[in-house]
Amino acid sequence: MRRVVQFSTGNVGQHSLRAIIGRPDLELVGVHAASPTKVGRDAAELCGLDEPTGIVATDDIDALIALGPDCVVYTAQAETRPMEAIEQLVKFLSAGINVVASSMVWLVTPRLADDWLREPLGQACESGDASLYVNGIDPGYSGDTEVHSALSLVTRATSITVQEIFDYANYDDYEFTGKSMGFGLSPEDEDPIFYVPGVLTSMWGGPVRNLAVQLGVELDDVTQRIERWYTPTRIECKMATVEPGQMAAVRFAVEGVRDGVAVITMEHVTRLTAGAAPEWEYPPDGKTGVHRVVVEGEPRVELNTHVSHPALDVTEAGCVSTAARVVNVIDWVCRAPKGLIAVEDIPQAEVIRGLMW
């Protein structure tokens, strides 16, 4: 049984915490919470379970290290505070504690990550004899596992398009996702952080380049494109209230270009409510969200992944799946050689072990 610490209890963390508590092969030994309103509360309360665990949340990282866990599940929002997140991760890794994470999305393709990320974390893995693995749905599953499955069905591929097409109206994350994507901004407002030149390519360029390497394709360039949609009417939803003339949908992509043609594309089509950007693509069959891979080639292949839950909105169901992408590999990561781990390093049968009991 692996001894596990859950780090954060937000949109993804509450679901990974619940999963850890429920699995017979994992033992929850600690929980980190940054918010004073969560510190001191039982882990069960923080993830909607009724039976107390006896494990209470703390903001003391040293106390969590002293517990001697095998692994930390790190789901804290890190993209807005990368240097602080690196410091936290280095502490765990240097202490010999493995980490699986849905944060620091640049590390979904660790071999292509910039030096400022790869070097301190790689050195911490080396000194602590520990491993770090980062993945999720997008970046993550749709650009690796799903696209690998699609490519295995063709004899020749001419282009690959990876899409997240989602209605974010009920996604309760305006402070990061809403602001970063620019929902509610007017045309004359300053660009949000996602659309500053180079930011999109830093986040999704790694998966594009990684696929190119795996395919043996030499790209001429990796570029980004952005298209905004401004609502003519007021939109009220959980994500935000958007007034007429403000942005309520966005379509952006990072493209790997060869001979002037985009051959590998990672695209997001994100709207607030189904009425936004009606001329853009929608998920099939009336779904509110889908992760899609389209391979043009011999033959053409299209895979659509839709997650759902009887009690949760599709965006929250997606958070459950994001948690699954890291919780399910805890045992393998704990057995893995030290260092930064990529999804292609993990035998796929390992990510489904222990899921039925």
Protein backbone atom coordinates (compact mmCIF):
# COMPACT_ATOMS: atom_id res chain seq x y z
CA MET A 1 0.00 0.00 0.00
CA ARG A 2 1.35 3.42 -1.00
CA ARG A 3 1.33 6.23 1.57
CA VAL A 4 0.07 9.38 -0.15
CA VAL A 5 -0.22 13.11 0.56
CA GLN A 6 -2.77 15.19 -1.34
CA PHE A 7 -1.51 18.70 -2.09
CA SER A 8 -4.47 21.10 -2.61
CA THR A 9 -8.22 20.52 -2.55
CA GLY A 10 -9.47 22.71 -5.40
CA ASN A 11 -11.21 21.83 -8.67
CA VAL A 12 -9.00 18.80 -9.32
CA GLY A 13 -7.61 18.19 -5.84
CA GLN A 14 -10.96 17.46 -4.22
CA HIS A 15 -11.46 14.62 -6.71
CA SER A 16 -7.98 13.15 -6.38
CA LEU A 17 -8.40 13.33 -2.59
CA ARG A 18 -11.70 11.46 -2.81
CA ALA A 19 -10.10 8.86 -5.09
CA ILE A 20 -7.16 8.31 -2.73
CA ILE A 21 -9.47 7.83 0.25
CA GLY A 22 -11.56 5.32 -1.68
CA ARG A 23 -8.78 3.14 -3.11
CA PRO A 24 -7.72 0.05 -1.16
CA ASP A 25 -4.16 0.22 -2.52
CA LEU A 26 -3.52 3.79 -1.30
CA GLU A 27 -3.35 5.21 2.21
CA LEU A 28 -3.97 8.92 2.74
CA VAL A 29 -1.50 10.20 5.33
CA GLY A 30 -1.67 13.96 4.83
CA VAL A 31 -3.44 16.85 3.11
CA HIS A 32 -2.12 20.28 2.22
CA ALA A 33 -4.42 23.30 2.02
CA ALA A 34 -3.32 26.88 1.42
CA SER A 35 -6.57 28.50 2.54
CA PRO A 36 -6.94 29.28 6.25
CA THR A 37 -10.59 28.24 5.97
CA LYS A 38 -9.52 24.69 5.05
CA VAL A 39 -6.59 24.19 7.43
CA GLY A 40 -7.60 21.98 10.34
CA ARG A 41 -10.58 20.40 8.58
CA ASP A 42 -10.88 16.67 8.00
CA ALA A 43 -9.97 15.40 4.54
CA ALA A 44 -13.40 13.80 4.13
CA GLU A 45 -15.12 17.13 4.66
CA LEU A 46 -12.90 18.75 2.02
CA CYS A 47 -13.98 16.29 -0.67
CA GLY A 48 -17.64 15.75 0.21
CA LEU A 49 -17.43 12.43 2.08
CA ASP A 50 -19.40 11.74 5.25
CA GLU A 51 -17.11 9.45 7.22
CA PRO A 52 -14.17 11.30 8.83
CA THR A 53 -10.68 10.07 7.99
CA GLY A 54 -8.85 11.51 10.98
CA ILE A 55 -6.47 13.25 8.56
CA VAL A 56 -6.71 17.04 8.85
CA ALA A 57 -5.40 19.60 6.41
CA THR A 58 -2.24 21.58 7.12
CA ASP A 59 -0.28 24.32 5.38
CA ASP A 60 3.02 23.06 6.85
CA ILE A 61 5.04 21.41 4.07
CA ASP A 62 7.79 20.28 6.44
CA ALA A 63 5.20 18.46 8.56
CA LEU A 64 3.97 16.64 5.46
CA ILE A 65 7.53 15.65 4.53
CA ALA A 66 8.04 14.34 8.07
CA LEU A 67 5.19 11.88 7.48
CA GLY A 68 7.44 10.01 5.05
CA PRO A 69 4.91 9.50 2.25
CA ASP A 70 5.74 7.49 -0.85
CA CYS A 71 4.08 10.03 -3.12
CA VAL A 72 2.53 13.49 -3.25
CA VAL A 73 -0.39 14.22 -5.57
CA TYR A 74 0.23 17.86 -6.50
CA THR A 75 -2.84 19.52 -8.02
CA ALA A 76 -2.36 23.10 -6.81
CA GLN A 77 -2.67 25.86 -9.38
CA ALA A 78 0.95 26.41 -10.35
CA GLU A 79 0.93 28.13 -13.73
CA THR A 80 0.36 31.56 -12.14
CA ARG A 81 3.11 31.03 -9.51
CA PRO A 82 5.67 28.73 -11.14
CA MET A 83 8.69 29.69 -9.04
CA GLU A 84 6.84 29.06 -5.77
CA ALA A 85 5.53 25.74 -7.17
CA ILE A 86 9.05 24.69 -8.20
CA GLU A 87 10.28 25.43 -4.68
CA GLN A 88 7.52 23.26 -3.20
CA LEU A 89 8.13 20.41 -5.62
CA VAL A 90 11.90 20.54 -5.06
CA LYS A 91 11.32 20.16 -1.31
CA PHE A 92 9.37 16.95 -1.75
CA LEU A 93 11.60 15.46 -4.45
CA SER A 94 14.84 16.28 -2.59
CA ALA A 95 13.40 14.52 0.46
CA GLY A 96 12.98 11.34 -1.59
CA ILE A 97 9.24 11.70 -2.11
CA ASN A 98 7.82 10.96 -5.55
CA VAL A 99 5.35 13.44 -7.06
CA VAL A 100 2.52 13.02 -9.57
CA ALA A 101 0.95 16.28 -10.68
CA SER A 102 -1.69 17.90 -12.87
CA SER A 103 0.04 21.27 -12.50
CA MET A 104 3.09 22.72 -14.26
CA VAL A 105 1.68 21.70 -17.64
CA TRP A 106 4.99 22.54 -19.36
CA LEU A 107 6.25 19.26 -17.89
CA VAL A 108 3.73 17.09 -19.75
CA THR A 109 6.63 16.79 -22.21
CA PRO A 110 9.55 17.02 -19.76
CA ARG A 111 12.31 16.41 -22.30
CA LEU A 112 11.20 19.55 -24.18
CA ALA A 113 10.70 21.74 -21.10
CA ASP A 114 12.82 24.87 -20.69
CA ASP A 115 15.95 24.75 -18.55
CA TRP A 116 14.47 26.92 -15.79
CA LEU A 117 11.95 24.12 -15.14
CA ARG A 118 13.81 20.98 -16.06
CA GLU A 119 17.10 21.67 -14.31
CA PRO A 120 16.03 22.36 -10.70
CA LEU A 121 13.40 19.62 -10.74
CA GLY A 122 15.71 17.13 -12.44
CA GLN A 123 18.44 17.89 -9.90
CA ALA A 124 15.96 17.42 -7.05
CA CYS A 125 14.93 14.04 -8.48
CA GLU A 126 18.60 13.05 -8.72
CA SER A 127 19.50 14.10 -5.20
CA GLY A 128 16.40 12.57 -3.62
CA ASP A 129 16.25 9.43 -5.80
CA ALA A 130 12.67 10.38 -6.64
CA SER A 131 10.45 10.73 -9.72
CA LEU A 132 8.12 13.46 -11.03
CA TYR A 133 5.27 12.85 -13.47
CA VAL A 134 2.92 15.53 -14.85
CA ASN A 135 -0.16 14.90 -16.97
CA GLY A 136 -3.85 15.73 -17.37
CA ILE A 137 -6.49 15.82 -20.10
CA ASP A 138 -5.30 18.82 -22.14
CA PRO A 139 -2.33 19.20 -22.14
CA GLY A 140 -2.09 15.47 -21.57
CA TYR A 141 -4.45 12.71 -22.66
CA SER A 142 -5.82 14.30 -25.83
CA GLY A 143 -2.33 15.08 -27.13
CA ASP A 144 -0.71 11.79 -26.18
CA THR A 145 -2.85 8.73 -25.33
CA GLU A 146 -5.83 9.66 -27.50
CA VAL A 147 -3.78 10.79 -30.47
CA HIS A 148 -1.53 7.72 -30.22
CA SER A 149 -4.64 5.52 -30.43
CA ALA A 150 -5.86 7.37 -33.53
CA LEU A 151 -2.47 7.20 -35.24
CA SER A 152 -2.26 3.46 -34.65
CA LEU A 153 -5.25 3.04 -37.00
CA VAL A 154 -3.75 4.66 -40.10
CA THR A 155 -1.16 3.54 -42.61
CA ARG A 156 -0.28 7.16 -43.43
CA ALA A 157 -1.12 10.45 -41.75
CA THR A 158 -1.19 13.80 -43.55
CA SER A 159 -2.32 15.96 -40.62
CA ILE A 160 -3.32 15.69 -36.97
CA THR A 161 -5.80 17.96 -35.21
CA VAL A 162 -6.32 17.72 -31.46
CA GLN A 163 -9.28 19.70 -30.14
CA GLU A 164 -10.92 20.54 -26.85
CA ILE A 165 -14.42 21.80 -27.66
CA PHE A 166 -16.12 22.79 -24.41
CA ASP A 167 -18.83 24.93 -22.90
CA TYR A 168 -17.21 26.41 -19.78
CA ALA A 169 -20.34 28.13 -18.50
CA ASN A 170 -20.59 25.94 -15.40
CA TYR A 171 -16.85 25.70 -14.73
CA ASP A 172 -16.27 27.52 -11.45
CA ASP A 173 -12.77 28.85 -12.11
CA TYR A 174 -12.97 32.46 -13.20
CA GLU A 175 -9.92 33.52 -11.18
CA PHE A 176 -7.54 31.46 -13.33
CA THR A 177 -9.27 30.00 -16.39
CA GLY A 178 -11.76 32.83 -16.90
CA LYS A 179 -9.22 35.62 -16.54
CA SER A 180 -6.48 33.79 -18.44
CA MET A 181 -8.76 33.18 -21.41
CA GLY A 182 -10.17 36.70 -21.31
CA PHE A 183 -13.85 36.06 -20.70
CA GLY A 184 -15.59 39.36 -20.04
CA LEU A 185 -12.93 41.52 -21.67
CA SER A 186 -13.77 44.18 -24.26
CA PRO A 187 -11.86 44.55 -27.57
CA GLU A 188 -9.93 47.56 -26.28
CA ASP A 189 -8.76 45.80 -23.08
CA GLU A 190 -5.23 44.52 -22.63
CA ASP A 191 -4.70 40.92 -23.70
CA PRO A 192 -5.04 38.30 -20.95
CA ILE A 193 -2.00 36.24 -20.02
CA PHE A 194 -2.80 33.34 -22.37
CA TYR A 195 -2.65 35.58 -25.44
CA VAL A 196 0.61 37.34 -24.71
CA PRO A 197 2.94 36.29 -27.55
CA GLY A 198 4.68 33.05 -26.70
CA VAL A 199 2.46 31.92 -23.81
CA LEU A 200 0.24 29.55 -25.80
CA THR A 201 3.24 28.07 -27.58
CA SER A 202 4.98 27.58 -24.24
CA MET A 203 1.99 25.61 -22.91
CA TRP A 204 0.95 23.57 -25.97
CA GLY A 205 4.08 23.81 -28.10
CA GLY A 206 5.72 20.97 -26.16
CA PRO A 207 3.02 18.42 -27.08
CA VAL A 208 3.11 19.62 -30.72
CA ARG A 209 6.89 19.24 -30.91
CA ASN A 210 6.77 15.95 -29.03
CA LEU A 211 4.37 14.45 -31.55
CA ALA A 212 6.58 15.66 -34.37
CA VAL A 213 9.59 13.94 -32.78
CA GLN A 214 7.62 10.72 -32.31
CA LEU A 215 6.50 10.83 -35.96
CA GLY A 216 9.95 11.68 -37.27
CA VAL A 217 8.63 14.95 -38.74
CA GLU A 218 10.82 18.06 -38.90
CA LEU A 219 8.72 21.18 -38.34
CA ASP A 220 9.64 24.55 -39.82
CA ASP A 221 7.87 26.50 -37.09
CA VAL A 222 5.39 26.34 -34.23
CA THR A 223 2.89 29.21 -34.28
CA GLN A 224 -0.24 30.33 -32.46
CA ARG A 225 -3.53 31.81 -33.64
CA ILE A 226 -6.40 33.35 -31.66
CA GLU A 227 -9.95 34.31 -32.61
CA ARG A 228 -12.32 36.00 -30.15
CA TRP A 229 -16.12 36.19 -30.15
CA TYR A 230 -17.94 39.09 -28.47
CA THR A 231 -21.51 38.62 -27.30
CA PRO A 232 -24.30 40.98 -28.47
CA THR A 233 -26.39 40.06 -25.40
CA ARG A 234 -25.79 39.65 -21.67
CA ILE A 235 -24.69 36.17 -20.57
CA GLU A 236 -25.00 35.03 -16.95
CA CYS A 237 -23.38 31.76 -15.91
CA LYS A 238 -21.27 30.25 -13.12
CA MET A 239 -17.99 31.12 -14.82
CA ALA A 240 -18.78 34.83 -15.25
CA THR A 241 -21.36 37.43 -16.14
CA VAL A 242 -20.51 38.85 -19.57
CA GLU A 243 -22.02 42.09 -20.79
CA PRO A 244 -22.85 42.97 -24.43
CA GLY A 245 -19.67 43.68 -26.35
CA GLN A 246 -17.50 41.53 -24.10
CA MET A 247 -15.76 38.27 -24.97
CA ALA A 248 -17.82 35.13 -24.39
CA ALA A 249 -15.99 32.62 -26.61
CA VAL A 250 -12.50 32.04 -27.92
CA ARG A 251 -10.88 29.76 -30.47
CA PHE A 252 -7.12 29.41 -30.19
CA ALA A 253 -4.55 26.97 -31.50
CA VAL A 254 -0.88 26.09 -31.52
CA GLU A 255 0.22 24.73 -34.88
CA GLY A 256 3.25 22.79 -36.04
CA VAL A 257 3.98 24.01 -39.57
CA ARG A 258 5.83 22.21 -42.36
CA ASP A 259 6.19 23.63 -45.87
CA GLY A 260 3.70 26.38 -45.02
CA VAL A 261 0.99 23.95 -43.90
CA ALA A 262 -0.18 23.17 -40.35
CA VAL A 263 0.38 19.42 -39.96
CA ILE A 264 -0.03 19.13 -36.16
CA THR A 265 -2.63 21.35 -34.49
CA MET A 266 -3.69 21.67 -30.85
CA GLU A 267 -6.90 23.73 -30.80
CA HIS A 268 -9.35 24.89 -28.15
CA VAL A 269 -12.89 26.04 -28.92
CA THR A 270 -14.21 27.41 -25.63
CA ARG A 271 -17.53 29.16 -25.13
CA LEU A 272 -19.77 30.36 -22.33
CA THR A 273 -23.22 28.81 -22.96
CA ALA A 274 -24.28 27.00 -26.12
CA GLY A 275 -25.45 30.26 -27.73
CA ALA A 276 -21.95 31.76 -27.90
CA ALA A 277 -20.06 31.65 -31.21
CA PRO A 278 -22.81 29.67 -32.99
CA GLU A 279 -20.79 29.47 -36.21
CA TRP A 280 -17.93 27.57 -34.56
CA GLU A 281 -17.72 23.80 -34.12
CA TYR A 282 -19.77 22.06 -31.43
CA PRO A 283 -19.25 18.65 -29.84
CA PRO A 284 -21.16 15.85 -31.56
CA ASP A 285 -24.52 14.44 -30.39
CA GLY A 286 -25.48 17.48 -28.35
CA LYS A 287 -22.68 17.01 -25.81
CA THR A 288 -21.38 20.03 -23.91
CA GLY A 289 -17.73 19.04 -24.07
CA VAL A 290 -15.45 16.72 -26.00
CA HIS A 291 -11.79 15.99 -26.57
CA ARG A 292 -11.37 15.13 -30.22
CA VAL A 293 -8.56 13.86 -32.38
CA VAL A 294 -8.85 13.94 -36.16
CA VAL A 295 -6.17 12.26 -38.26
CA GLU A 296 -6.41 12.94 -41.97
CA GLY A 297 -4.81 10.08 -43.82
CA GLU A 298 -5.34 6.49 -44.89
CA PRO A 299 -8.01 6.11 -43.58
CA ARG A 300 -9.35 9.25 -41.90
CA VAL A 301 -9.81 8.63 -38.17
CA GLU A 302 -11.83 10.68 -35.70
CA LEU A 303 -11.93 9.90 -31.99
CA ASN A 304 -14.23 11.79 -29.60
CA THR A 305 -13.82 11.39 -25.85
CA HIS A 306 -16.70 12.59 -23.70
CA VAL A 307 -16.75 12.20 -19.93
CA SER A 308 -19.89 12.45 -17.81
CA HIS A 309 -21.13 11.88 -14.29
CA PRO A 310 -24.64 11.39 -12.87
CA ALA A 311 -24.24 14.19 -10.32
CA LEU A 312 -21.57 16.47 -11.80
CA ASP A 313 -21.39 18.93 -14.67
CA VAL A 314 -19.25 17.79 -17.61
CA THR A 315 -16.48 20.26 -16.70
CA GLU A 316 -16.30 18.83 -13.18
CA ALA A 317 -16.38 15.30 -14.58
CA GLY A 318 -13.36 16.39 -16.60
CA CYS A 319 -11.66 17.35 -13.33
CA VAL A 320 -12.30 13.81 -12.05
CA SER A 321 -10.61 12.45 -15.18
CA THR A 322 -7.72 14.87 -14.74
CA ALA A 323 -7.26 13.50 -11.24
CA ALA A 324 -7.39 9.95 -12.61
CA ARG A 325 -4.53 10.68 -15.01
CA VAL A 326 -2.16 11.10 -12.05
CA VAL A 327 -3.69 9.02 -9.23
CA ASN A 328 -3.73 5.92 -11.43
CA VAL A 329 0.04 5.97 -11.97
CA ILE A 330 1.11 6.42 -8.34
CA ASP A 331 2.27 2.84 -7.85
CA TRP A 332 4.28 2.77 -11.09
CA VAL A 333 5.88 6.17 -10.44
CA CYS A 334 6.92 4.95 -6.99
CA ARG A 335 8.65 1.98 -8.66
CA ALA A 336 10.13 3.97 -11.55
CA PRO A 337 13.78 5.01 -11.94
CA LYS A 338 14.47 8.48 -10.59
CA GLY A 339 13.92 11.50 -12.82
CA LEU A 340 11.33 13.36 -14.87
CA ILE A 341 8.81 10.94 -16.39
CA ALA A 342 6.87 11.32 -19.64
CA VAL A 343 3.68 9.44 -20.49
CA GLU A 344 5.49 7.41 -23.14
CA ASP A 345 7.77 6.01 -20.41
CA ILE A 346 4.85 4.28 -18.70
CA PRO A 347 3.52 0.91 -19.93
CA GLN A 348 -0.15 1.57 -20.64
CA ALA A 349 -1.30 -1.48 -18.70
CA GLU A 350 0.16 0.15 -15.58
CA VAL A 351 -2.32 3.04 -15.64
CA ILE A 352 -5.33 0.72 -15.31
CA ARG A 353 -4.12 -1.52 -12.51
CA GLY A 354 -6.18 -1.56 -9.34
CA LEU A 355 -9.24 0.19 -10.80
CA MET A 356 -11.72 -2.59 -9.97
CA TRP A 357 -12.20 -3.84 -6.43
